[in-house]
Protein backbone atom coordinates (compact mmCIF):
# COMPACT_ATOMS: atom_id res chain seq x y z
CA MET A 1 -30.28 45.58 -213.79
CA ARG A 2 -32.52 47.64 -212.04
CA SER A 3 -30.29 49.49 -210.20
CA ILE A 4 -28.21 50.98 -213.45
CA ALA A 5 -30.70 54.32 -212.91
CA LEU A 6 -28.98 55.14 -210.19
CA GLY A 7 -25.93 55.96 -212.17
CA TYR A 8 -28.29 58.57 -213.68
CA HIS A 9 -30.10 60.05 -210.40
CA ARG A 10 -30.37 63.83 -209.61
CA ASP A 11 -28.47 63.35 -206.45
CA PRO A 12 -24.64 63.68 -206.97
CA GLN A 13 -24.04 61.88 -203.67
CA THR A 14 -26.36 59.34 -204.55
CA ARG A 15 -24.76 59.10 -208.22
CA ALA A 16 -20.93 58.80 -206.63
CA ALA A 17 -21.91 56.18 -203.67
CA PHE A 18 -22.96 54.03 -206.98
CA MET A 19 -20.59 54.59 -208.69
CA GLU A 20 -17.60 53.58 -205.96
CA VAL A 21 -20.05 50.29 -205.41
CA LEU A 22 -19.74 49.11 -209.25
CA THR A 23 -16.02 50.13 -209.16
CA LYS A 24 -15.80 47.60 -206.56
CA ILE A 25 -17.72 45.05 -208.01
CA LEU A 26 -15.64 45.37 -211.39
CA GLN A 27 -12.21 45.04 -209.60
CA GLN A 28 -13.19 41.98 -207.27
CA GLY A 29 -14.39 40.49 -210.57
CA THR A 30 -17.62 38.68 -210.88
CA GLU A 31 -19.47 36.23 -213.37
CA PHE A 32 -19.13 39.34 -215.77
CA ASP A 33 -15.61 37.88 -216.59
CA THR A 34 -16.72 34.40 -217.09
CA LEU A 35 -20.38 35.21 -219.24
CA ALA A 36 -18.68 34.86 -222.27
CA GLU A 37 -17.18 31.61 -221.65
CA THR A 38 -20.04 30.16 -220.37
CA VAL A 39 -22.53 31.00 -223.23
CA LEU A 40 -19.52 29.39 -225.36
CA ALA A 41 -19.29 26.37 -223.13
CA ASP A 42 -23.19 25.85 -223.23
CA ARG A 43 -23.13 26.10 -227.55
CA PHE A 44 -20.50 23.34 -227.64
CA GLU A 45 -22.75 21.45 -225.16
CA ARG A 46 -25.72 21.63 -227.46
CA LEU A 47 -23.47 21.00 -230.68
CA VAL A 48 -22.54 17.71 -229.22
CA GLU A 49 -26.04 16.79 -228.29
CA LEU A 50 -27.07 17.86 -231.69
CA VAL A 51 -24.42 15.47 -233.18
CA THR A 52 -25.56 12.45 -230.52
CA MET A 53 -29.16 13.24 -230.98
CA ILE A 54 -31.27 9.92 -232.00
CA GLY A 55 -34.03 10.10 -234.82
CA ASP A 56 -37.61 8.20 -234.67
CA LYS A 57 -35.94 5.02 -235.79
CA GLY A 58 -32.77 4.92 -234.21
CA GLU A 59 -30.71 6.75 -236.63
CA LEU A 60 -28.03 9.51 -235.99
CA PRO A 61 -28.93 12.10 -238.72
CA ILE A 62 -25.76 14.63 -238.22
CA ALA A 63 -23.24 11.82 -236.89
CA MET A 64 -23.70 9.68 -239.82
CA ALA A 65 -23.98 12.25 -242.43
CA LEU A 66 -20.26 13.68 -241.09
CA ALA A 67 -19.41 9.78 -241.21
CA ASN A 68 -20.19 9.51 -244.87
CA VAL A 69 -18.59 12.55 -246.02
CA VAL A 70 -15.65 12.87 -243.73
CA SER A 71 -12.33 12.87 -245.90
CA PRO A 72 -9.57 10.29 -245.53
CA GLN A 73 -7.14 12.34 -243.82
CA TYR A 74 -9.79 13.16 -240.72
CA MET A 75 -10.99 9.28 -240.47
CA ASP A 76 -8.62 8.80 -237.38
CA GLU A 77 -9.35 11.83 -235.72
CA LEU A 78 -13.36 11.34 -236.48
CA ALA A 79 -12.91 8.06 -234.83
CA ARG A 80 -11.52 8.77 -231.92
CA VAL A 81 -13.90 12.10 -231.60
CA PHE A 82 -17.22 9.78 -232.20
CA VAL A 83 -16.14 7.08 -229.64
CA THR A 84 -15.24 9.29 -227.05
CA ILE A 85 -18.25 11.54 -227.24
CA PHE A 86 -21.08 8.73 -227.85
CA ASP A 87 -19.29 6.36 -224.79
CA ALA A 88 -19.38 9.46 -222.38
CA LYS A 89 -23.45 10.31 -223.34
CA HIS A 90 -23.71 6.10 -222.75
CA LEU A 91 -24.52 6.22 -226.52
CA LEU A 92 -21.57 3.91 -227.88
CA HIS A 93 -24.30 1.11 -228.54
CA GLN A 94 -26.51 3.72 -230.80
CA LEU A 95 -23.24 4.84 -232.94
CA LEU A 96 -22.18 1.23 -233.39
CA ILE A 97 -25.29 -0.08 -234.47
CA ASN A 98 -25.60 2.79 -237.36
CA ILE A 99 -21.59 2.36 -238.11
CA PHE A 100 -22.05 -1.69 -238.37
CA ALA A 101 -25.26 -1.16 -240.52
CA LYS A 102 -23.87 0.89 -243.15
CA GLU A 103 -20.79 -1.22 -243.43
CA VAL A 104 -22.48 -4.55 -243.36
CA GLU A 105 -24.86 -3.12 -246.14
CA MET A 106 -21.83 -2.36 -248.62
CA ALA A 107 -20.35 -5.76 -247.74
CA ASP A 108 -20.73 -8.84 -250.49
CA CYS A 109 -20.17 -11.41 -247.84
CA TYR A 110 -19.83 -11.61 -244.01
CA GLN A 111 -15.82 -12.07 -244.66
CA THR A 112 -15.21 -8.80 -246.14
CA ILE A 113 -16.69 -7.01 -243.48
CA LEU A 114 -14.50 -4.70 -241.45
CA ARG A 115 -11.41 -5.59 -243.59
CA GLY A 116 -11.31 -2.31 -245.32
CA ASN A 117 -9.54 0.83 -244.20
CA GLY A 118 -12.88 2.89 -243.64
CA LEU A 119 -14.13 4.45 -240.68
CA PRO A 120 -15.71 1.72 -239.07
CA THR A 121 -12.72 -0.56 -239.06
CA LYS A 122 -11.03 2.61 -237.36
CA ILE A 123 -13.48 2.96 -234.76
CA MET A 124 -13.53 -0.32 -234.35
CA SER A 125 -9.91 -0.63 -233.81
CA PHE A 126 -10.02 2.64 -231.61
CA CYS A 127 -12.49 0.89 -229.28
CA PHE A 128 -10.20 -2.09 -228.86
CA LYS A 129 -7.26 0.06 -228.06
CA LEU A 130 -8.99 2.29 -225.74
CA TYR A 131 -10.96 -0.09 -224.09
CA GLY A 132 -9.22 -3.54 -224.62
CA SER A 133 -5.73 -2.44 -223.64
CA HIS A 134 -5.90 -3.57 -219.53
CA TYR A 135 -7.82 -6.74 -220.79
CA LEU A 136 -5.19 -7.38 -222.92
CA TYR A 137 -2.41 -7.08 -220.55
CA ASN A 138 -4.22 -9.23 -217.35
CA LEU A 139 -4.74 -11.91 -220.31
CA PHE A 140 -1.28 -12.43 -221.92
CA ALA A 141 1.29 -11.04 -219.34
CA PRO A 142 1.21 -14.43 -217.41
CA ILE A 143 1.50 -16.35 -220.26
CA LEU A 144 4.17 -14.55 -221.84
CA SER A 145 6.10 -14.59 -218.39
CA LYS A 146 6.10 -18.40 -218.09
CA MET A 147 7.65 -18.12 -221.95
CA ILE A 148 10.18 -15.95 -220.75
CA ILE A 149 11.29 -18.03 -217.89
CA ALA A 150 11.21 -21.14 -220.19
CA ASP A 151 13.11 -19.20 -222.79
CA LEU A 152 15.01 -22.16 -223.82
CA ARG A 153 12.22 -24.07 -224.88
CA SER A 154 11.57 -24.26 -229.03
CA TYR A 155 8.00 -24.05 -230.65
CA GLU A 156 9.45 -24.20 -234.14
CA VAL A 157 7.47 -27.59 -236.01
CA ASP A 158 8.17 -26.46 -239.65
CA PRO A 159 11.11 -29.50 -240.58
CA SER A 160 12.68 -26.71 -243.33
CA ARG A 161 13.11 -24.51 -240.35
CA ILE A 162 13.81 -26.68 -237.46
CA GLU A 163 17.68 -26.60 -235.90
CA GLN A 164 19.95 -29.81 -236.20
CA HIS A 165 19.78 -30.08 -232.06
CA GLU A 166 15.95 -29.64 -231.82
CA GLN A 167 13.33 -32.34 -231.63
CA LEU A 168 10.39 -32.01 -233.83
CA ASP A 169 8.40 -34.05 -231.68
CA GLU A 170 9.23 -32.35 -228.68
CA ASN A 171 8.81 -28.74 -229.94
CA ARG A 172 4.92 -29.71 -231.53
CA LYS A 173 4.51 -30.89 -227.50
CA ASN A 174 5.88 -27.60 -226.83
CA LEU A 175 3.52 -25.34 -229.50
CA ARG A 176 0.36 -27.86 -228.31
CA LEU A 177 0.95 -27.07 -224.51
CA LEU A 178 1.29 -23.27 -225.57
CA ALA A 179 -1.89 -22.66 -227.75
CA HIS A 180 -3.73 -24.77 -225.14
CA ASP A 181 -2.68 -22.22 -222.22
CA VAL A 182 -3.60 -19.34 -224.56
CA PHE A 183 -6.76 -20.52 -225.24
CA GLN A 184 -8.09 -21.54 -221.97
CA ALA A 185 -7.40 -18.21 -220.99
CA ILE A 186 -8.97 -16.86 -223.53
CA ILE A 187 -12.17 -18.82 -222.68
CA ASP A 188 -11.93 -18.25 -219.06
CA SER A 189 -11.54 -14.68 -219.51
CA SER A 190 -15.12 -13.75 -220.89
CA SER A 191 -16.71 -12.82 -217.52
CA GLN A 192 -13.67 -10.04 -217.83
CA PHE A 193 -14.41 -9.28 -221.07
CA PRO A 194 -14.91 -5.48 -220.98
CA ILE A 195 -18.39 -4.05 -221.13
CA GLN A 196 -17.87 -1.61 -224.00
CA LEU A 197 -16.43 -4.60 -226.61
CA ARG A 198 -19.26 -6.60 -225.24
CA ILE A 199 -21.78 -3.65 -226.85
CA LEU A 200 -19.33 -3.76 -230.16
CA CYS A 201 -19.76 -7.72 -230.45
CA SER A 202 -23.51 -7.56 -229.52
CA CYS A 203 -24.22 -4.62 -232.00
CA LEU A 204 -21.98 -6.44 -234.85
CA TYR A 205 -23.73 -9.54 -234.25
CA GLN A 206 -27.06 -7.98 -234.58
CA VAL A 207 -26.20 -6.09 -237.73
CA VAL A 208 -24.78 -9.02 -239.67
CA GLN A 209 -27.68 -11.51 -238.49
CA GLN A 210 -29.90 -9.38 -240.45
CA ARG A 211 -27.92 -8.97 -243.60
CA PHE A 212 -26.33 -12.83 -243.52
CA PRO A 213 -28.80 -14.89 -241.44
CA GLN A 214 -26.53 -17.98 -241.48
CA HIS A 215 -23.06 -16.07 -240.29
CA PRO A 216 -22.99 -13.85 -237.43
CA LEU A 217 -21.14 -15.90 -235.41
CA GLN A 218 -18.64 -16.56 -237.63
CA ALA A 219 -18.28 -12.34 -237.93
CA VAL A 220 -17.68 -11.70 -234.84
CA SER A 221 -15.35 -14.57 -233.99
CA THR A 222 -13.29 -13.56 -237.06
CA VAL A 223 -12.84 -10.06 -236.22
CA ILE A 224 -12.02 -10.67 -232.33
CA PHE A 225 -9.16 -12.85 -233.17
CA LEU A 226 -8.26 -10.85 -236.28
CA ARG A 227 -8.14 -7.76 -234.80
CA PHE A 228 -8.11 -7.98 -231.22
CA LEU A 229 -6.46 -10.92 -229.77
CA ASN A 230 -3.90 -11.96 -232.31
CA PRO A 231 -2.19 -8.66 -233.04
CA ALA A 232 -1.39 -8.35 -228.96
CA LEU A 233 -0.35 -11.81 -229.24
CA VAL A 234 1.92 -11.71 -231.69
CA LEU A 235 3.65 -8.04 -231.04
CA PRO A 236 3.09 -7.84 -227.39
CA HIS A 237 5.94 -5.19 -226.81
CA GLU A 238 3.68 -2.61 -228.77
CA PHE A 239 0.60 -3.31 -226.50
CA GLY A 240 2.30 -2.75 -223.33
CA ILE A 241 2.06 -6.05 -222.30
CA VAL A 242 5.95 -6.62 -222.07
CA ASP A 243 8.46 -4.12 -222.18
CA ALA A 244 10.75 -5.32 -224.45
CA GLU A 245 10.26 -7.15 -228.21
CA PRO A 246 10.76 -11.06 -227.31
CA LEU A 247 13.55 -13.40 -228.59
CA PRO A 248 12.85 -14.71 -232.11
CA ARG A 249 12.30 -18.52 -230.57
CA ILE A 250 9.47 -17.18 -228.69
CA LYS A 251 8.01 -14.71 -231.28
CA ARG A 252 7.82 -17.46 -233.50
CA GLY A 253 5.90 -19.63 -230.87
CA LEU A 254 3.50 -16.76 -230.41
CA THR A 255 3.18 -16.50 -234.65
CA LEU A 256 2.35 -20.06 -234.37
CA VAL A 257 -0.10 -20.04 -231.82
CA SER A 258 -2.06 -17.25 -233.57
CA LYS A 259 -2.34 -19.25 -236.52
CA ILE A 260 -4.20 -21.81 -234.81
CA LEU A 261 -6.31 -19.50 -232.70
CA GLN A 262 -7.38 -17.74 -236.23
CA ASN A 263 -8.38 -21.28 -237.38
CA ILE A 264 -10.29 -22.09 -234.59
CA ALA A 265 -12.39 -18.49 -234.88
CA ASN A 266 -12.97 -19.76 -238.29
CA ASN A 267 -13.85 -23.20 -237.55
CA LEU A 268 -11.60 -24.64 -239.90
CA ILE A 269 -8.75 -27.25 -240.03
CA PHE A 270 -5.33 -26.87 -241.69
CA THR A 271 -5.03 -28.40 -245.19
CA LYS A 272 -2.47 -25.96 -246.93
CA GLU A 273 0.54 -25.86 -244.17
CA PHE A 274 1.42 -29.54 -244.04
CA HIS A 275 3.44 -29.23 -240.84
CA MET A 276 0.65 -27.60 -239.14
CA ARG A 277 -2.15 -30.41 -239.63
CA CYS A 278 -0.71 -32.41 -236.76
CA PHE A 279 -2.95 -29.95 -234.80
CA ASN A 280 -6.02 -30.74 -236.49
CA ASP A 281 -7.50 -32.86 -233.91
CA TYR A 282 -6.71 -30.13 -231.43
CA LEU A 283 -8.39 -27.66 -233.46
CA ARG A 284 -11.66 -30.30 -233.61
CA SER A 285 -11.71 -30.19 -229.94
CA THR A 286 -11.81 -26.61 -229.47
CA PHE A 287 -14.39 -25.57 -231.78
CA ASP A 288 -17.53 -25.80 -229.01
CA ALA A 289 -15.47 -24.16 -226.76
CA ALA A 290 -14.91 -21.26 -229.13
CA THR A 291 -18.21 -21.01 -229.99
CA ASN A 292 -19.58 -20.56 -226.61
CA PHE A 293 -17.02 -17.94 -225.96
CA VAL A 294 -17.88 -15.92 -229.08
CA LEU A 295 -21.78 -16.21 -227.92
CA SER A 296 -21.00 -15.06 -224.23
CA ILE A 297 -19.58 -11.94 -225.05
CA SER A 298 -22.13 -11.33 -227.97
CA GLU A 299 -24.94 -11.42 -225.54
CA PRO A 300 -27.18 -8.53 -225.83
CA ILE A 301 -26.54 -6.20 -222.92
CA ASN A 302 -29.55 -4.95 -220.36
CA LEU A 303 -27.94 -0.96 -220.73
CA THR A 304 -30.54 -0.16 -218.23
CA SER A 305 -29.12 -2.12 -215.50
CA ILE A 306 -25.16 -0.56 -215.69
CA ILE A 307 -26.51 2.91 -216.47
CA PRO A 308 -27.56 5.50 -213.67
CA SER A 309 -31.13 5.91 -213.94
CA ASP A 310 -30.70 9.78 -214.35
CA GLU A 311 -28.55 9.19 -217.60
CA HIS A 312 -30.95 6.86 -219.51
CA GLN A 313 -31.09 7.66 -222.86
CA PRO A 314 -33.42 5.89 -225.57
CA ILE A 315 -32.09 2.46 -226.47
CA GLU A 316 -33.24 -0.13 -228.66
CA ASN A 317 -35.60 -2.62 -227.20
CA ASN A 318 -33.33 -5.69 -229.05
CA LEU A 319 -30.48 -4.18 -226.91
CA LEU A 320 -32.38 -4.70 -223.37
CA ASP A 321 -32.82 -8.65 -223.98
CA SER A 322 -30.19 -10.11 -221.71
CA THR A 323 -31.23 -10.89 -218.28
CA ALA A 324 -28.06 -11.69 -217.12
CA PRO A 325 -26.31 -9.56 -214.42
CA SER A 326 -24.13 -6.86 -215.88
CA PRO A 327 -20.98 -4.54 -214.48
CA THR A 328 -21.60 -0.97 -214.05
CA TYR A 329 -20.83 1.16 -216.58
CA PRO A 330 -17.30 2.87 -216.62
CA MET A 331 -17.17 6.53 -216.07
CA SER A 332 -16.22 8.49 -219.21
CA TYR A 333 -15.98 12.25 -220.00
CA ILE A 334 -15.44 14.35 -223.01
CA SER A 335 -12.48 16.47 -223.12
CA ASP A 336 -12.10 19.87 -224.45
CA ALA A 337 -10.01 18.90 -227.57
CA ASN A 338 -12.68 16.26 -228.57
CA VAL A 339 -15.05 18.75 -228.84
CA LEU A 340 -13.09 21.31 -230.36
CA ALA A 341 -12.09 18.59 -232.86
CA LEU A 342 -15.74 17.87 -233.49
CA HIS A 343 -16.43 21.50 -234.10
CA ARG A 344 -13.78 21.90 -236.60
CA LEU A 345 -14.68 18.69 -238.14
CA LEU A 346 -18.18 19.89 -238.46
CA TRP A 347 -16.76 23.30 -239.86
CA TYR A 348 -15.01 22.01 -242.72
CA HIS A 349 -17.33 19.29 -243.78
CA GLN A 350 -20.98 21.16 -242.96
CA GLU A 351 -21.53 22.28 -247.01
CA LYS A 352 -21.17 17.97 -247.78
CA ILE A 353 -23.16 17.27 -244.65
CA GLY A 354 -26.16 19.43 -246.23
CA ASP A 355 -25.54 17.90 -249.65
CA TYR A 356 -25.62 14.43 -248.18
CA LEU A 357 -28.87 14.94 -245.75
CA SER A 358 -31.09 16.70 -248.71
CA SER A 359 -30.04 13.96 -251.23
CA GLY A 360 -30.41 11.00 -248.93
CA ARG A 361 -33.43 8.25 -248.88
CA ASP A 362 -34.30 9.70 -245.58
CA HIS A 363 -34.48 13.09 -246.19
CA LYS A 364 -37.99 13.35 -246.23
CA ALA A 365 -38.44 11.49 -242.60
CA ILE A 366 -35.53 13.34 -241.01
CA GLY A 367 -36.03 16.78 -242.88
CA ARG A 368 -33.87 19.85 -242.54
CA ARG A 369 -34.34 20.81 -239.06
CA PRO A 370 -31.37 18.63 -237.70
CA PHE A 371 -28.89 20.34 -240.30
CA ASP A 372 -30.51 24.11 -239.69
CA LYS A 373 -29.97 23.68 -235.83
CA MET A 374 -26.32 22.77 -236.76
CA ALA A 375 -25.70 25.48 -239.34
CA THR A 376 -26.67 28.12 -236.65
CA LEU A 377 -24.89 26.98 -233.88
CA LEU A 378 -21.71 26.82 -236.26
CA ALA A 379 -22.59 30.27 -237.09
CA TYR A 380 -22.93 31.14 -233.52
CA LEU A 381 -19.61 29.55 -232.48
CA GLY A 382 -17.43 30.91 -235.61
CA PRO A 383 -14.65 29.13 -237.32
CA PRO A 384 -12.55 26.74 -235.60
CA ASP A 385 -9.45 28.58 -233.49
CA HIS A 386 -6.58 28.68 -235.97
CA ARG A 387 -3.11 29.20 -235.09
CA PRO A 388 0.22 30.11 -237.22
CA LEU A 389 1.74 27.40 -238.68
CA ASP A 390 4.93 27.72 -236.71
CA SER A 391 2.71 27.01 -233.36
CA GLN A 392 2.04 23.24 -234.18
CA TRP A 393 3.33 22.32 -231.13
CA ILE A 394 -0.01 23.75 -229.94
CA SER A 395 -2.55 22.61 -232.96
CA TYR A 396 -5.45 20.29 -231.71
CA ASP A 397 -4.27 18.29 -234.37
CA MET A 398 -0.93 17.46 -232.21
CA THR A 399 -2.00 14.13 -230.93
CA ALA A 400 0.10 12.10 -228.80
CA THR A 401 1.65 10.18 -231.23
CA LYS A 402 2.53 13.10 -233.72
CA PHE A 403 4.09 14.92 -230.57
CA GLU A 404 5.90 11.65 -229.69
CA GLU A 405 7.21 11.29 -233.21
CA LEU A 406 7.97 14.99 -233.94
CA MET A 407 10.20 14.66 -230.35
CA ALA A 408 11.99 11.84 -231.51
CA LYS A 409 12.78 13.19 -234.77
CA THR A 410 14.83 15.90 -233.06
CA GLN A 411 16.48 13.30 -230.93
CA MET A 412 15.25 15.50 -227.74
CA HIS A 413 15.99 12.26 -225.69
CA GLU A 414 19.62 12.57 -226.58
CA ARG A 415 19.84 16.40 -225.59
CA GLU A 416 21.65 17.67 -222.42
CA GLU A 417 18.85 19.88 -221.44
CA PHE A 418 16.62 16.53 -221.98
CA LYS A 419 18.84 14.51 -219.63
CA SER A 420 19.13 17.17 -216.72
CA LEU A 421 15.46 17.48 -216.66
CA LYS A 422 14.87 13.92 -216.19
CA ALA A 423 17.53 14.00 -213.62
CA LEU A 424 15.22 16.31 -211.37
CA ASN A 425 12.72 13.71 -210.86
CA ILE A 426 9.77 16.25 -211.84
CA PHE A 427 7.55 13.12 -212.45
CA TYR A 428 8.73 9.32 -211.87
CA GLN A 429 7.30 5.79 -211.06
CA ALA A 430 7.86 4.23 -207.77
CA GLY A 431 6.69 1.55 -205.71
CA PHE A 432 3.03 0.28 -205.88
CA SER A 433 -0.33 0.62 -204.38
CA LYS A 434 -2.46 -1.92 -202.38
CA GLN A 435 -4.31 -2.54 -205.47
CA ASN A 436 -0.86 -3.18 -206.94
CA ASN A 437 -0.87 -0.64 -209.40
CA PRO A 438 2.24 1.24 -210.65
CA VAL A 439 2.39 4.76 -208.63
CA PHE A 440 3.61 8.19 -210.37
CA TYR A 441 4.57 11.17 -208.70
CA TYR A 442 4.64 14.87 -209.92
CA ILE A 443 6.31 17.36 -207.88
CA ALA A 444 5.30 20.54 -208.81
CA ARG A 445 7.62 22.89 -207.10
CA ARG A 446 10.46 21.26 -209.51
CA PHE A 447 9.35 22.41 -212.46
CA LYS A 448 10.53 26.30 -213.18
CA VAL A 449 8.34 27.87 -216.01
CA ASN A 450 11.03 30.26 -216.91
CA GLU A 451 13.96 27.56 -216.69
CA MET A 452 12.66 24.66 -218.33
CA ASN A 453 10.87 23.78 -221.47
CA CYS A 454 7.42 22.25 -221.19
CA ASP A 455 7.73 20.42 -224.23
CA LEU A 456 10.85 18.54 -222.56
CA LEU A 457 8.38 17.45 -219.60
CA ILE A 458 5.62 16.40 -221.60
CA TYR A 459 7.46 14.41 -223.84
CA HIS A 460 9.32 12.84 -220.41
CA VAL A 461 5.83 12.28 -219.07
CA LEU A 462 5.06 10.36 -222.12
CA LEU A 463 7.95 8.28 -222.43
CA THR A 464 7.78 7.68 -218.51
CA LEU A 465 4.13 6.33 -218.83
CA LYS A 466 4.36 4.49 -222.12
CA PRO A 467 5.55 1.19 -220.77
CA PHE A 468 2.32 1.36 -218.76
CA GLN A 469 -0.04 2.39 -221.29
CA ALA A 470 -1.91 -0.74 -221.29
CA LYS A 471 -1.97 -1.23 -217.32
CA PRO A 472 -4.20 0.84 -214.28
CA PHE A 473 -2.22 3.44 -212.19
CA GLU A 474 -2.38 5.55 -209.74
CA LEU A 475 -0.96 9.02 -209.83
CA ILE A 476 0.34 11.41 -206.79
CA VAL A 477 0.50 15.39 -207.13
CA ASP A 478 2.78 17.05 -204.56
CA PHE A 479 2.13 21.19 -204.55
CA THR A 480 4.00 21.72 -201.70
CA HIS A 481 5.75 25.04 -201.36
CA THR A 482 3.85 25.81 -205.44
CA CYS A 483 3.61 29.00 -206.72
CA THR A 484 3.53 30.96 -209.91
CA ASP A 485 7.15 29.89 -210.87
CA ASN A 486 5.91 26.36 -210.90
CA ARG A 487 3.00 26.99 -213.01
CA PHE A 488 2.28 26.12 -216.61
CA LYS A 489 1.10 28.60 -219.03
CA THR A 490 -2.20 28.31 -220.46
CA ASP A 491 -1.22 27.06 -223.94
CA TYR A 492 0.85 24.48 -222.50
CA LEU A 493 -1.81 23.30 -220.00
CA SER A 494 -4.35 22.84 -223.16
CA LYS A 495 -1.34 20.98 -224.64
CA TRP A 496 -1.46 18.39 -221.59
CA PHE A 497 -4.83 17.37 -222.53
CA ILE A 498 -4.55 17.22 -225.95
CA CYS A 499 -0.90 14.94 -225.95
CA MET A 500 -1.95 12.62 -223.29
CA PRO A 501 -3.47 9.55 -225.03
CA ASP A 502 -6.82 8.73 -224.35
CA CYS A 503 -5.86 5.41 -222.53
CA PHE A 504 -4.13 7.13 -220.09
CA TYR A 505 -6.99 9.03 -218.92
CA TYR A 506 -9.03 5.84 -219.07
CA ASN A 507 -6.50 3.70 -216.85
CA LEU A 508 -5.93 6.08 -214.30
CA GLN A 509 -7.63 4.75 -211.43
CA ALA A 510 -6.66 7.51 -208.78
CA CYS A 511 -5.37 10.77 -208.34
CA TYR A 512 -4.26 11.96 -204.82
CA ILE A 513 -3.63 15.59 -204.48
CA TYR A 514 -1.37 16.69 -201.67
CA ASN A 515 -0.61 19.86 -199.81
CA CYS A 516 -3.48 21.96 -201.80
CA ASN A 517 -1.98 25.31 -201.04
CA SER A 518 -4.72 28.76 -201.85
CA TRP A 519 -2.26 29.68 -204.93
CA VAL A 520 -3.21 26.19 -206.72
CA ARG A 521 -6.76 26.76 -205.89
CA GLU A 522 -7.08 30.09 -207.30
CA TYR A 523 -4.83 29.07 -210.20
CA THR A 524 -7.59 25.93 -211.04
CA LYS A 525 -10.33 28.49 -210.58
CA TYR A 526 -8.90 30.72 -213.17
CA HIS A 527 -8.37 27.89 -215.48
CA ASP A 528 -11.56 26.05 -214.90
CA ARG A 529 -12.72 26.14 -218.39
CA ILE A 530 -9.60 23.96 -219.17
CA LEU A 531 -9.22 21.70 -216.24
């Protein structure tokens, strides 16, 4: 900045030389171009830090205020934003402790915990979806493969529904063997139970124990089987465990097994369903093993042993009691879409957040400082970026599910344009890696920005990845001969990250870049804020 004075020097030659140098600097482009973006990124980072800020007593003033005032139509989005942001900051346990504590405080009895459709239930469901898909696939896929091979077996044990050629005793035997295989697989999988879901179970156990000291184990057991394991077992095709809907005979067997598992989880025998009473002796023999399984996944976790030392955050002491070795905490990240969604949610609810904090019972302890910081940051950031209604394709509300539904309603997959794009093999799956993961290929040079519809390409990628959404996979990106004709425009580049479900990022094990030329490097440098 001191050299600016040379532009006003008395000597004309000095002034001319300075202006020539300054002109060249500006033409080449310097950090002036990214100064505004750097400031903006810093403010967004401060916004995330403010939301994840922990009080002296472990409270989350801004996050819990937003959780209590958020409009119902934004709950699904807030659940996604909260889980991804707090997990990336290695503070998922702190979020769950606070959210579950509020849920348990409002419950009349332990049986009603997480049975509604509020934010705590949505956060729990999103955790199951994001962190549990790979576990469920490894757990149930082998069993379902055996069932499909032996698909002539019948599992019907209700005399009023049995076919004439079937034997009731044989069916009971088939169902008991199937139930045993499923239950044993669950019991044996405790060491593979995802670390984030262990944190969830541990937090739930802890807060229920404080309110209902006699029933923390039953609460965790009921939730894990009712909301996590049984839905995947009954509807495996919707969880990506199998490619197609099972045959009715197999579906019936899975439904009956889920009933047996739920009774095991609740520590109950069959009384009302007479045709299921023959399994009561088996139920009694499993209660102890089920209890030990739930206890093992609900143990307090030593977070200091799984989080890198330079990333430690304040942690509640009661979560540091376990001396058992823990796996490494998986890497996570905060996407731009989630940060922008957080900005929008805070902006729309800032007045209600202020009212909630000022009227809360902890107002004296917390004070106005967190809210004042938030209001100042939001004022600097300004209102969320709005786009015209006809530009809903690029809206930050356009999640993968909504995008896919919109494309399906317009029957895009039936159009010749979509079939032609699919035939170009721009994106496809072929072969498996050494780790036996399916490998996907993206051939960049085959996409022509001025000739093809990018929406159709995104839709094609979503449909291609969908059968593998619960499995780990690897990606190869081939940039051979890639140039400006093969680029994505800025708005569609953002849309890629918005429309791809979080579970795809979570299950992507490796990405290999082939022939990254100078044009690609310049393109990624220019779009560094998005990428």
